[in-house]
Amino acid sequence: MSAGTDTGTDIGTGAGGGRDTHGRVTTSVAELAARLRSERPPVLLDVRWALGDPHGREHYAAGHIPGALYVDLDTELAAPPSPQGGRHPLPELADLQAAARRWGVEEGRPVVVYDDLGNTAAARAWWLLRFAGVADVTLLDGALGAWKAAGLELESGVPAAPAPGGVVLRPGGLPVTDADGAAELALSGLLLDARAAERYRGEVEPVDTRAGHIPGAVSAPTGENLAADGTFRPAEELRERFVAKGADRVERIGVYCGSGVTAAHQIAALALAGFEATLFPGSWSAWSADPARPAVEGSRP
């Protein structure tokens, strides 16, 4: 694919799969490489994070895409954990705005985000910035692995802080819900559980207080959104995947995961497929911490 090719896809609106003006979901490696050579490159964010691996900053410093800034998911893309908010509550808008300005985000300047796990962590930054009104923010399709596979250079170390940006964030760009709303979505719409299937079934629970899933939720592991090379599966395949879960038969779709991180990746995949979805940020970590909330084990909703 030639540099500069537009491979992004608009965010869908509703079960009918219509399109709106929210903008593209992905940017290709070739396009990013060309844009980084331009006079006004995008803000490039490296969200290196994985459950159980606290060394994201060190991984970033060892090698990242030139010009990328490290973003700490636990402290910049989340508020402190709590039983009510889960392990990764949404940050306060003022805190997110301060972070975005540190990253150099300005009105009208594109933002591209990536990680080294198929964007399953970077999608949190993508979702938060979209939620807060940043129109042009995309995921690097294939993440760091695709950049490396293309034979493109990396740089090491920690760069100097960029000139601060002046972006003004406003909430409401994407829909959110709480535990009560998630329970209602499981009954009247479609609630997707983006965790691994064995966690959905309650066979294992490595981090949260109880095993199982929200009653009525349908298993849809995030990893199945990706091709073997870490890029998103083609839009038509993603649409078939979510239609098979019932996405075309409901007016509203919700998504949760363990703590609201990989669920954002599922929302990106749904957007590529032409569906809009609501995030339950507290996800299973908040639901399972409330003893009044029921839990279901097994493969059925």
C-alpha atoms as a PDB file:
ATOM      1  CA  MET A   1       0.000   0.000   0.000  1.00  0.00           C
ATOM      2  CA  SER A   2       1.442   3.378  -0.952  1.00  0.00           C
ATOM      3  CA  ALA A   3       2.203   5.998   1.634  1.00  0.00           C
ATOM      4  CA  GLY A   4      -0.662   8.371   2.256  1.00  0.00           C
ATOM      5  CA  THR A   5      -3.389   5.888   1.327  1.00  0.00           C
ATOM      6  CA  ASP A   6      -6.525   6.542   3.372  1.00  0.00           C
ATOM      7  CA  THR A   7      -7.317   3.230   5.043  1.00  0.00           C
ATOM      8  CA  GLY A   8      -9.351   4.571   7.948  1.00  0.00           C
ATOM      9  CA  THR A   9     -13.005   3.843   8.529  1.00  0.00           C
ATOM     10  CA  ASP A  10     -15.707   6.097   9.926  1.00  0.00           C
ATOM     11  CA  ILE A  11     -17.369   5.310  13.227  1.00  0.00           C
ATOM     12  CA  GLY A  12     -20.766   3.778  12.627  1.00  0.00           C
ATOM     13  CA  THR A  13     -23.996   5.070  14.093  1.00  0.00           C
ATOM     14  CA  GLY A  14     -26.400   2.530  15.504  1.00  0.00           C
ATOM     15  CA  ALA A  15     -27.409  -0.981  14.552  1.00  0.00           C
ATOM     16  CA  GLY A  16     -28.121   0.009  10.980  1.00  0.00           C
ATOM     17  CA  GLY A  17     -24.423   0.628  10.385  1.00  0.00           C
ATOM     18  CA  GLY A  18     -24.783   4.161   9.050  1.00  0.00           C
ATOM     19  CA  ARG A  19     -21.851   6.549   9.016  1.00  0.00           C
ATOM     20  CA  ASP A  20     -21.359   9.884  10.698  1.00  0.00           C
ATOM     21  CA  THR A  21     -18.676  12.535  10.933  1.00  0.00           C
ATOM     22  CA  HIS A  22     -16.773  11.190  13.942  1.00  0.00           C
ATOM     23  CA  GLY A  23     -13.852  10.364  11.658  1.00  0.00           C
ATOM     24  CA  ARG A  24     -11.623   7.420  10.948  1.00  0.00           C
ATOM     25  CA  VAL A  25     -10.727   4.656  13.370  1.00  0.00           C
ATOM     26  CA  THR A  26      -7.336   3.571  11.991  1.00  0.00           C
ATOM     27  CA  THR A  27      -4.233   4.908  10.287  1.00  0.00           C
ATOM     28  CA  SER A  28      -1.939   2.661   8.276  1.00  0.00           C
ATOM     29  CA  VAL A  29       1.796   2.354   8.868  1.00  0.00           C
ATOM     30  CA  ALA A  30       2.492   3.787   5.426  1.00  0.00           C
ATOM     31  CA  GLU A  31       0.303   6.810   6.083  1.00  0.00           C
ATOM     32  CA  LEU A  32       1.838   7.451   9.494  1.00  0.00           C
ATOM     33  CA  ALA A  33       5.350   7.230   8.089  1.00  0.00           C
ATOM     34  CA  ALA A  34       4.476   9.851   5.474  1.00  0.00           C
ATOM     35  CA  ARG A  35       2.761  12.131   7.978  1.00  0.00           C
ATOM     36  CA  LEU A  36       5.711  11.992  10.370  1.00  0.00           C
ATOM     37  CA  ARG A  37       7.872  13.403   7.569  1.00  0.00           C
ATOM     38  CA  SER A  38       5.485  16.293   6.968  1.00  0.00           C
ATOM     39  CA  GLU A  39       5.800  19.852   8.276  1.00  0.00           C
ATOM     40  CA  ARG A  40       3.017  19.244  10.788  1.00  0.00           C
ATOM     41  CA  PRO A  41       3.227  15.657  12.036  1.00  0.00           C
ATOM     42  CA  PRO A  42       0.512  14.200  14.257  1.00  0.00           C
ATOM     43  CA  VAL A  43       0.811  13.845  17.997  1.00  0.00           C
ATOM     44  CA  LEU A  44       2.012  10.256  18.408  1.00  0.00           C
ATOM     45  CA  LEU A  45       1.267   8.432  21.677  1.00  0.00           C
ATOM     46  CA  ASP A  46       2.793   5.155  22.843  1.00  0.00           C
ATOM     47  CA  VAL A  47       0.494   3.435  25.377  1.00  0.00           C
ATOM     48  CA  ARG A  48       2.735   0.536  26.366  1.00  0.00           C
ATOM     49  CA  TRP A  49       0.742  -1.413  28.988  1.00  0.00           C
ATOM     50  CA  ALA A  50      -0.195  -5.005  29.756  1.00  0.00           C
ATOM     51  CA  LEU A  51      -1.972  -6.598  32.698  1.00  0.00           C
ATOM     52  CA  GLY A  52       0.672  -7.779  35.143  1.00  0.00           C
ATOM     53  CA  ASP A  53       3.532  -5.915  33.430  1.00  0.00           C
ATOM     54  CA  PRO A  54       4.430  -2.648  35.194  1.00  0.00           C
ATOM     55  CA  HIS A  55       7.393  -1.889  32.924  1.00  0.00           C
ATOM     56  CA  GLY A  56       5.698  -0.047  30.066  1.00  0.00           C
ATOM     57  CA  ARG A  57       7.894   3.009  30.425  1.00  0.00           C
ATOM     58  CA  GLU A  58      11.037   0.877  30.215  1.00  0.00           C
ATOM     59  CA  HIS A  59       9.730  -0.942  27.129  1.00  0.00           C
ATOM     60  CA  TYR A  60       9.026   2.431  25.532  1.00  0.00           C
ATOM     61  CA  ALA A  61      12.490   3.751  26.332  1.00  0.00           C
ATOM     62  CA  ALA A  62      14.094   0.643  24.821  1.00  0.00           C
ATOM     63  CA  GLY A  63      12.497   1.303  21.454  1.00  0.00           C
ATOM     64  CA  HIS A  64       9.566   3.337  20.112  1.00  0.00           C
ATOM     65  CA  ILE A  65       8.406   4.982  16.908  1.00  0.00           C
ATOM     66  CA  PRO A  66      10.387   8.211  16.410  1.00  0.00           C
ATOM     67  CA  GLY A  67       8.562  11.171  17.909  1.00  0.00           C
ATOM     68  CA  ALA A  68       6.219   9.094  20.057  1.00  0.00           C
ATOM     69  CA  LEU A  69       5.489  10.148  23.636  1.00  0.00           C
ATOM     70  CA  TYR A  70       4.940   7.619  26.390  1.00  0.00           C
ATOM     71  CA  VAL A  71       1.503   7.642  28.027  1.00  0.00           C
ATOM     72  CA  ASP A  72       1.008   5.913  31.367  1.00  0.00           C
ATOM     73  CA  LEU A  73      -2.332   4.146  31.277  1.00  0.00           C
ATOM     74  CA  ASP A  74      -2.630   3.704  35.037  1.00  0.00           C
ATOM     75  CA  THR A  75      -1.991   7.348  35.948  1.00  0.00           C
ATOM     76  CA  GLU A  76      -2.870   9.401  32.848  1.00  0.00           C
ATOM     77  CA  LEU A  77      -5.716   7.404  31.314  1.00  0.00           C
ATOM     78  CA  ALA A  78      -7.404   6.370  34.555  1.00  0.00           C
ATOM     79  CA  ALA A  79      -8.315   7.697  37.982  1.00  0.00           C
ATOM     80  CA  PRO A  80      -7.196   5.807  41.100  1.00  0.00           C
ATOM     81  CA  PRO A  81      -8.965   2.459  41.498  1.00  0.00           C
ATOM     82  CA  SER A  82     -11.980   2.103  43.769  1.00  0.00           C
ATOM     83  CA  PRO A  83     -14.639  -0.546  44.428  1.00  0.00           C
ATOM     84  CA  GLN A  84     -17.270   1.653  42.806  1.00  0.00           C
ATOM     85  CA  GLY A  85     -15.187   2.694  39.807  1.00  0.00           C
ATOM     86  CA  GLY A  86     -13.196  -0.473  39.271  1.00  0.00           C
ATOM     87  CA  ARG A  87      -9.504  -0.888  38.546  1.00  0.00           C
ATOM     88  CA  HIS A  88      -9.374   1.809  35.848  1.00  0.00           C
ATOM     89  CA  PRO A  89     -12.066   4.463  36.410  1.00  0.00           C
ATOM     90  CA  LEU A  90     -12.302   7.226  33.857  1.00  0.00           C
ATOM     91  CA  PRO A  91     -10.003  10.128  34.751  1.00  0.00           C
ATOM     92  CA  GLU A  92     -11.420  13.486  35.725  1.00  0.00           C
ATOM     93  CA  LEU A  93     -11.800  15.644  32.623  1.00  0.00           C
ATOM     94  CA  ALA A  94      -9.478  18.316  34.020  1.00  0.00           C
ATOM     95  CA  ASP A  95      -6.773  15.712  34.613  1.00  0.00           C
ATOM     96  CA  LEU A  96      -7.162  14.285  31.108  1.00  0.00           C
ATOM     97  CA  GLN A  97      -7.038  17.777  29.614  1.00  0.00           C
ATOM     98  CA  ALA A  98      -3.842  18.567  31.517  1.00  0.00           C
ATOM     99  CA  ALA A  99      -2.293  15.333  30.239  1.00  0.00           C
ATOM    100  CA  ALA A 100      -3.420  15.967  26.657  1.00  0.00           C
ATOM    101  CA  ARG A 101      -1.880  19.426  26.762  1.00  0.00           C
ATOM    102  CA  ARG A 102       1.386  17.915  28.060  1.00  0.00           C
ATOM    103  CA  TRP A 103       1.328  15.618  25.043  1.00  0.00           C
ATOM    104  CA  GLY A 104       1.004  18.635  22.742  1.00  0.00           C
ATOM    105  CA  VAL A 105      -2.604  18.043  21.684  1.00  0.00           C
ATOM    106  CA  GLU A 106      -4.125  21.088  19.994  1.00  0.00           C
ATOM    107  CA  GLU A 107      -7.406  21.812  18.264  1.00  0.00           C
ATOM    108  CA  GLY A 108      -7.233  20.486  14.731  1.00  0.00           C
ATOM    109  CA  ARG A 109      -3.980  18.534  15.153  1.00  0.00           C
ATOM    110  CA  PRO A 110      -4.316  14.790  14.463  1.00  0.00           C
ATOM    111  CA  VAL A 111      -3.452  12.237  17.142  1.00  0.00           C
ATOM    112  CA  VAL A 112      -2.284   8.672  16.447  1.00  0.00           C
ATOM    113  CA  VAL A 113      -1.985   6.103  19.238  1.00  0.00           C
ATOM    114  CA  TYR A 114      -0.411   2.647  19.397  1.00  0.00           C
ATOM    115  CA  ASP A 115       0.962  -0.012  21.748  1.00  0.00           C
ATOM    116  CA  ASP A 116       2.695  -3.358  21.265  1.00  0.00           C
ATOM    117  CA  LEU A 117      -0.387  -5.536  21.829  1.00  0.00           C
ATOM    118  CA  GLY A 118      -2.544  -4.999  18.766  1.00  0.00           C
ATOM    119  CA  ASN A 119      -3.838  -1.720  20.237  1.00  0.00           C
ATOM    120  CA  THR A 120      -5.740  -3.468  23.019  1.00  0.00           C
ATOM    121  CA  ALA A 121      -4.270  -0.938  25.486  1.00  0.00           C
ATOM    122  CA  ALA A 122      -3.901   2.028  23.120  1.00  0.00           C
ATOM    123  CA  ALA A 123      -7.629   1.885  22.406  1.00  0.00           C
ATOM    124  CA  ARG A 124      -8.164   3.337  25.882  1.00  0.00           C
ATOM    125  CA  ALA A 125      -6.451   6.563  24.771  1.00  0.00           C
ATOM    126  CA  TRP A 126      -8.355   6.474  21.466  1.00  0.00           C
ATOM    127  CA  TRP A 127     -11.678   6.121  23.279  1.00  0.00           C
ATOM    128  CA  LEU A 128     -10.947   8.726  25.954  1.00  0.00           C
ATOM    129  CA  LEU A 129      -9.885  11.381  23.476  1.00  0.00           C
ATOM    130  CA  ARG A 130     -12.897  10.668  21.254  1.00  0.00           C
ATOM    131  CA  PHE A 131     -15.132  10.795  24.312  1.00  0.00           C
ATOM    132  CA  ALA A 132     -13.596  14.166  25.192  1.00  0.00           C
ATOM    133  CA  GLY A 133     -14.240  15.670  21.769  1.00  0.00           C
ATOM    134  CA  VAL A 134     -10.940  15.168  19.905  1.00  0.00           C
ATOM    135  CA  ALA A 135     -12.212  14.440  16.408  1.00  0.00           C
ATOM    136  CA  ASP A 136      -9.067  13.263  14.609  1.00  0.00           C
ATOM    137  CA  VAL A 137      -7.603  10.475  16.745  1.00  0.00           C
ATOM    138  CA  THR A 138      -6.816   7.096  15.217  1.00  0.00           C
ATOM    139  CA  LEU A 139      -5.207   3.784  16.090  1.00  0.00           C
ATOM    140  CA  LEU A 140      -2.072   2.723  14.204  1.00  0.00           C
ATOM    141  CA  ASP A 141      -3.394  -0.423  12.548  1.00  0.00           C
ATOM    142  CA  GLY A 142      -1.191  -3.332  13.552  1.00  0.00           C
ATOM    143  CA  ALA A 143       0.395  -1.239  16.325  1.00  0.00           C
ATOM    144  CA  LEU A 144       4.155  -1.378  16.916  1.00  0.00           C
ATOM    145  CA  GLY A 145       4.406  -4.827  15.381  1.00  0.00           C
ATOM    146  CA  ALA A 146       3.265  -3.532  12.001  1.00  0.00           C
ATOM    147  CA  TRP A 147       5.798  -0.688  12.148  1.00  0.00           C
ATOM    148  CA  LYS A 148       8.588  -3.180  12.847  1.00  0.00           C
ATOM    149  CA  ALA A 149       7.337  -5.581  10.151  1.00  0.00           C
ATOM    150  CA  ALA A 150       7.593  -2.754   7.619  1.00  0.00           C
ATOM    151  CA  GLY A 151      11.285  -2.411   8.477  1.00  0.00           C
ATOM    152  CA  LEU A 152      10.912   1.127   9.804  1.00  0.00           C
ATOM    153  CA  GLU A 153      13.271   2.578  12.378  1.00  0.00           C
ATOM    154  CA  LEU A 154      12.810   2.880  16.107  1.00  0.00           C
ATOM    155  CA  GLU A 155      14.407   5.317  18.506  1.00  0.00           C
ATOM    156  CA  SER A 156      15.385   4.733  22.119  1.00  0.00           C
ATOM    157  CA  GLY A 157      15.572   6.886  25.194  1.00  0.00           C
ATOM    158  CA  VAL A 158      13.127   9.498  26.438  1.00  0.00           C
ATOM    159  CA  PRO A 159      12.703  12.612  24.276  1.00  0.00           C
ATOM    160  CA  ALA A 160      12.353  16.147  25.592  1.00  0.00           C
ATOM    161  CA  ALA A 161       8.839  17.247  26.446  1.00  0.00           C
ATOM    162  CA  PRO A 162       7.010  18.796  23.485  1.00  0.00           C
ATOM    163  CA  ALA A 163       5.614  22.301  23.423  1.00  0.00           C
ATOM    164  CA  PRO A 164       2.356  22.179  25.376  1.00  0.00           C
ATOM    165  CA  GLY A 165      -0.895  22.137  23.500  1.00  0.00           C
ATOM    166  CA  GLY A 166      -4.022  24.118  24.214  1.00  0.00           C
ATOM    167  CA  VAL A 167      -6.787  21.622  23.539  1.00  0.00           C
ATOM    168  CA  VAL A 168     -10.056  22.145  25.399  1.00  0.00           C
ATOM    169  CA  LEU A 169     -11.760  18.848  26.191  1.00  0.00           C
ATOM    170  CA  ARG A 170     -15.511  18.396  26.458  1.00  0.00           C
ATOM    171  CA  PRO A 171     -17.179  15.139  27.568  1.00  0.00           C
ATOM    172  CA  GLY A 172     -19.949  13.329  25.753  1.00  0.00           C
ATOM    173  CA  GLY A 173     -18.372  12.468  22.418  1.00  0.00           C
ATOM    174  CA  LEU A 174     -18.998   8.751  22.990  1.00  0.00           C
ATOM    175  CA  PRO A 175     -21.627   7.063  25.179  1.00  0.00           C
ATOM    176  CA  VAL A 176     -20.939   5.575  28.624  1.00  0.00           C
ATOM    177  CA  THR A 177     -23.006   3.705  31.174  1.00  0.00           C
ATOM    178  CA  ASP A 178     -22.813   2.498  34.754  1.00  0.00           C
ATOM    179  CA  ALA A 179     -23.559  -0.892  36.326  1.00  0.00           C
ATOM    180  CA  ASP A 180     -27.319  -0.329  36.325  1.00  0.00           C
ATOM    181  CA  GLY A 181     -27.188   0.678  32.683  1.00  0.00           C
ATOM    182  CA  ALA A 182     -25.097  -2.364  31.800  1.00  0.00           C
ATOM    183  CA  ALA A 183     -27.598  -4.639  33.523  1.00  0.00           C
ATOM    184  CA  GLU A 184     -30.404  -3.008  31.566  1.00  0.00           C
ATOM    185  CA  LEU A 185     -28.505  -3.296  28.281  1.00  0.00           C
ATOM    186  CA  ALA A 186     -28.059  -7.028  28.878  1.00  0.00           C
ATOM    187  CA  LEU A 187     -31.843  -7.341  29.007  1.00  0.00           C
ATOM    188  CA  SER A 188     -33.077  -4.883  26.384  1.00  0.00           C
ATOM    189  CA  GLY A 189     -30.119  -4.614  24.014  1.00  0.00           C
ATOM    190  CA  LEU A 190     -26.814  -6.449  23.572  1.00  0.00           C
ATOM    191  CA  LEU A 191     -24.071  -6.453  26.209  1.00  0.00           C
ATOM    192  CA  LEU A 192     -20.757  -7.863  25.004  1.00  0.00           C
ATOM    193  CA  ASP A 193     -18.098  -9.233  27.369  1.00  0.00           C
ATOM    194  CA  ALA A 194     -14.703  -8.528  25.799  1.00  0.00           C
ATOM    195  CA  ARG A 195     -12.637 -10.677  28.191  1.00  0.00           C
ATOM    196  CA  ALA A 196     -11.117 -14.035  27.291  1.00  0.00           C
ATOM    197  CA  ALA A 197     -13.715 -16.783  27.045  1.00  0.00           C
ATOM    198  CA  GLU A 198     -12.396 -18.674  30.068  1.00  0.00           C
ATOM    199  CA  ARG A 199     -12.859 -15.599  32.250  1.00  0.00           C
ATOM    200  CA  TYR A 200     -16.376 -15.101  30.890  1.00  0.00           C
ATOM    201  CA  ARG A 201     -17.185 -18.713  31.780  1.00  0.00           C
ATOM    202  CA  GLY A 202     -15.732 -18.232  35.262  1.00  0.00           C
ATOM    203  CA  GLU A 203     -13.113 -20.959  34.876  1.00  0.00           C
ATOM    204  CA  VAL A 204     -10.341 -18.547  35.870  1.00  0.00           C
ATOM    205  CA  GLU A 205     -10.262 -15.095  37.432  1.00  0.00           C
ATOM    206  CA  PRO A 206      -6.700 -13.820  37.768  1.00  0.00           C
ATOM    207  CA  VAL A 207      -7.355 -10.362  39.184  1.00  0.00           C
ATOM    208  CA  ASP A 208     -10.942  -9.527  40.196  1.00  0.00           C
ATOM    209  CA  THR A 209     -12.832 -10.514  43.328  1.00  0.00           C
ATOM    210  CA  ARG A 210     -15.314 -12.958  41.767  1.00  0.00           C
ATOM    211  CA  ALA A 211     -15.445 -15.139  38.677  1.00  0.00           C
ATOM    212  CA  GLY A 212     -18.165 -15.216  36.034  1.00  0.00           C
ATOM    213  CA  HIS A 213     -19.993 -12.637  33.931  1.00  0.00           C
ATOM    214  CA  ILE A 214     -22.859 -10.165  34.047  1.00  0.00           C
ATOM    215  CA  PRO A 215     -26.203 -11.966  33.607  1.00  0.00           C
ATOM    216  CA  GLY A 216     -27.320 -11.745  29.992  1.00  0.00           C
ATOM    217  CA  ALA A 217     -23.913 -10.706  28.629  1.00  0.00           C
ATOM    218  CA  VAL A 218     -22.615 -12.397  25.477  1.00  0.00           C
ATOM    219  CA  SER A 219     -18.999 -13.521  25.196  1.00  0.00           C
ATOM    220  CA  ALA A 220     -17.007 -11.701  22.496  1.00  0.00           C
ATOM    221  CA  PRO A 221     -13.264 -11.872  23.281  1.00  0.00           C
ATOM    222  CA  THR A 222     -11.320  -8.830  22.133  1.00  0.00           C
ATOM    223  CA  GLY A 223      -8.557 -10.940  20.627  1.00  0.00           C
ATOM    224  CA  GLU A 224     -10.939 -12.191  17.957  1.00  0.00           C
ATOM    225  CA  ASN A 225     -11.065  -8.681  16.480  1.00  0.00           C
ATOM    226  CA  LEU A 226      -7.513  -9.088  15.220  1.00  0.00           C
ATOM    227  CA  ALA A 227      -5.860 -10.918  12.352  1.00  0.00           C
ATOM    228  CA  ALA A 228      -2.732 -12.984  12.959  1.00  0.00           C
ATOM    229  CA  ASP A 229      -0.483  -9.983  12.234  1.00  0.00           C
ATOM    230  CA  GLY A 230      -2.180  -7.812  14.872  1.00  0.00           C
ATOM    231  CA  THR A 231      -4.141  -5.646  12.447  1.00  0.00           C
ATOM    232  CA  PHE A 232      -7.900  -5.388  12.671  1.00  0.00           C
ATOM    233  CA  ARG A 233      -9.739  -8.009  10.683  1.00  0.00           C
ATOM    234  CA  PRO A 234     -11.441  -6.607   7.559  1.00  0.00           C
ATOM    235  CA  ALA A 235     -14.602  -4.619   8.247  1.00  0.00           C
ATOM    236  CA  GLU A 236     -16.837  -7.177   6.569  1.00  0.00           C
ATOM    237  CA  GLU A 237     -15.427  -9.954   8.767  1.00  0.00           C
ATOM    238  CA  LEU A 238     -15.911  -7.859  11.870  1.00  0.00           C
ATOM    239  CA  ARG A 239     -19.466  -7.120  10.845  1.00  0.00           C
ATOM    240  CA  GLU A 240     -20.179 -10.822  10.369  1.00  0.00           C
ATOM    241  CA  ARG A 241     -18.676 -11.498  13.810  1.00  0.00           C
ATOM    242  CA  PHE A 242     -20.893  -8.982  15.572  1.00  0.00           C
ATOM    243  CA  VAL A 243     -23.993  -9.816  13.546  1.00  0.00           C
ATOM    244  CA  ALA A 244     -23.546 -13.394  14.725  1.00  0.00           C
ATOM    245  CA  LYS A 245     -23.699 -12.017  18.291  1.00  0.00           C
ATOM    246  CA  GLY A 246     -26.980 -10.221  17.495  1.00  0.00           C
ATOM    247  CA  ALA A 247     -25.673  -6.690  16.898  1.00  0.00           C
ATOM    248  CA  ASP A 248     -28.003  -6.092  13.953  1.00  0.00           C
ATOM    249  CA  ARG A 249     -31.099  -7.047  15.934  1.00  0.00           C
ATOM    250  CA  VAL A 250     -30.873  -4.460  18.709  1.00  0.00           C
ATOM    251  CA  GLU A 251     -31.013  -0.700  19.029  1.00  0.00           C
ATOM    252  CA  ARG A 252     -28.244  -0.425  21.636  1.00  0.00           C
ATOM    253  CA  ILE A 253     -24.965  -2.247  22.219  1.00  0.00           C
ATOM    254  CA  GLY A 254     -22.813  -2.108  25.353  1.00  0.00           C
ATOM    255  CA  VAL A 255     -19.332  -3.457  26.027  1.00  0.00           C
ATOM    256  CA  TYR A 256     -17.378  -4.283  29.179  1.00  0.00           C
ATOM    257  CA  CYS A 257     -14.192  -6.181  29.995  1.00  0.00           C
ATOM    258  CA  GLY A 258     -12.123  -6.533  33.157  1.00  0.00           C
ATOM    259  CA  SER A 259     -11.541  -2.839  33.860  1.00  0.00           C
ATOM    260  CA  GLY A 260     -12.707  -0.882  30.809  1.00  0.00           C
ATOM    261  CA  VAL A 261      -9.467  -1.058  28.794  1.00  0.00           C
ATOM    262  CA  THR A 262      -9.845  -3.808  26.197  1.00  0.00           C
ATOM    263  CA  ALA A 263     -13.558  -2.981  25.978  1.00  0.00           C
ATOM    264  CA  ALA A 264     -12.473   0.225  24.214  1.00  0.00           C
ATOM    265  CA  HIS A 265     -10.764  -1.937  21.593  1.00  0.00           C
ATOM    266  CA  GLN A 266     -14.036  -3.795  21.100  1.00  0.00           C
ATOM    267  CA  ILE A 267     -15.791  -0.465  20.573  1.00  0.00           C
ATOM    268  CA  ALA A 268     -13.217   0.407  17.901  1.00  0.00           C
ATOM    269  CA  ALA A 269     -13.819  -2.943  16.191  1.00  0.00           C
ATOM    270  CA  LEU A 270     -17.577  -2.395  16.349  1.00  0.00           C
ATOM    271  CA  ALA A 271     -17.058   1.038  14.813  1.00  0.00           C
ATOM    272  CA  LEU A 272     -15.121  -0.519  11.931  1.00  0.00           C
ATOM    273  CA  ALA A 273     -18.048  -2.908  11.494  1.00  0.00           C
ATOM    274  CA  GLY A 274     -20.545  -0.045  11.424  1.00  0.00           C
ATOM    275  CA  PHE A 275     -21.952  -0.206  14.952  1.00  0.00           C
ATOM    276  CA  GLU A 276     -21.880   2.326  17.761  1.00  0.00           C
ATOM    277  CA  ALA A 277     -21.450   0.951  21.277  1.00  0.00           C
ATOM    278  CA  THR A 278     -21.561   2.172  24.858  1.00  0.00           C
ATOM    279  CA  LEU A 279     -18.687   1.586  27.290  1.00  0.00           C
ATOM    280  CA  PHE A 280     -19.198   0.378  30.863  1.00  0.00           C
ATOM    281  CA  PRO A 281     -15.932   1.777  32.285  1.00  0.00           C
ATOM    282  CA  GLY A 282     -16.100   0.011  35.652  1.00  0.00           C
ATOM    283  CA  SER A 283     -16.586  -3.289  33.858  1.00  0.00           C
ATOM    284  CA  TRP A 284     -16.220  -6.584  35.718  1.00  0.00           C
ATOM    285  CA  SER A 285     -13.850  -5.105  38.302  1.00  0.00           C
ATOM    286  CA  ALA A 286     -16.592  -2.780  39.565  1.00  0.00           C
ATOM    287  CA  TRP A 287     -19.473  -5.210  39.053  1.00  0.00           C
ATOM    288  CA  SER A 288     -17.775  -8.066  40.913  1.00  0.00           C
ATOM    289  CA  ALA A 289     -16.773  -5.805  43.814  1.00  0.00           C
ATOM    290  CA  ASP A 290     -20.462  -5.220  44.629  1.00  0.00           C
ATOM    291  CA  PRO A 291     -21.812  -8.292  46.468  1.00  0.00           C
ATOM    292  CA  ALA A 292     -25.356  -7.286  45.515  1.00  0.00           C
ATOM    293  CA  ARG A 293     -24.584  -7.796  41.818  1.00  0.00           C
ATOM    294  CA  PRO A 294     -25.228 -11.346  40.570  1.00  0.00           C
ATOM    295  CA  ALA A 295     -22.599 -13.332  38.660  1.00  0.00           C
ATOM    296  CA  VAL A 296     -23.182 -16.116  36.149  1.00  0.00           C
ATOM    297  CA  GLU A 297     -20.727 -18.869  35.329  1.00  0.00           C
ATOM    298  CA  GLY A 298     -20.705 -21.076  32.258  1.00  0.00           C
ATOM    299  CA  SER A 299     -20.896 -20.470  28.527  1.00  0.00           C
ATOM    300  CA  ARG A 300     -24.473 -19.215  28.370  1.00  0.00           C
ATOM    301  CA  PRO A 301     -25.555 -15.597  28.939  1.00  0.00           C
END
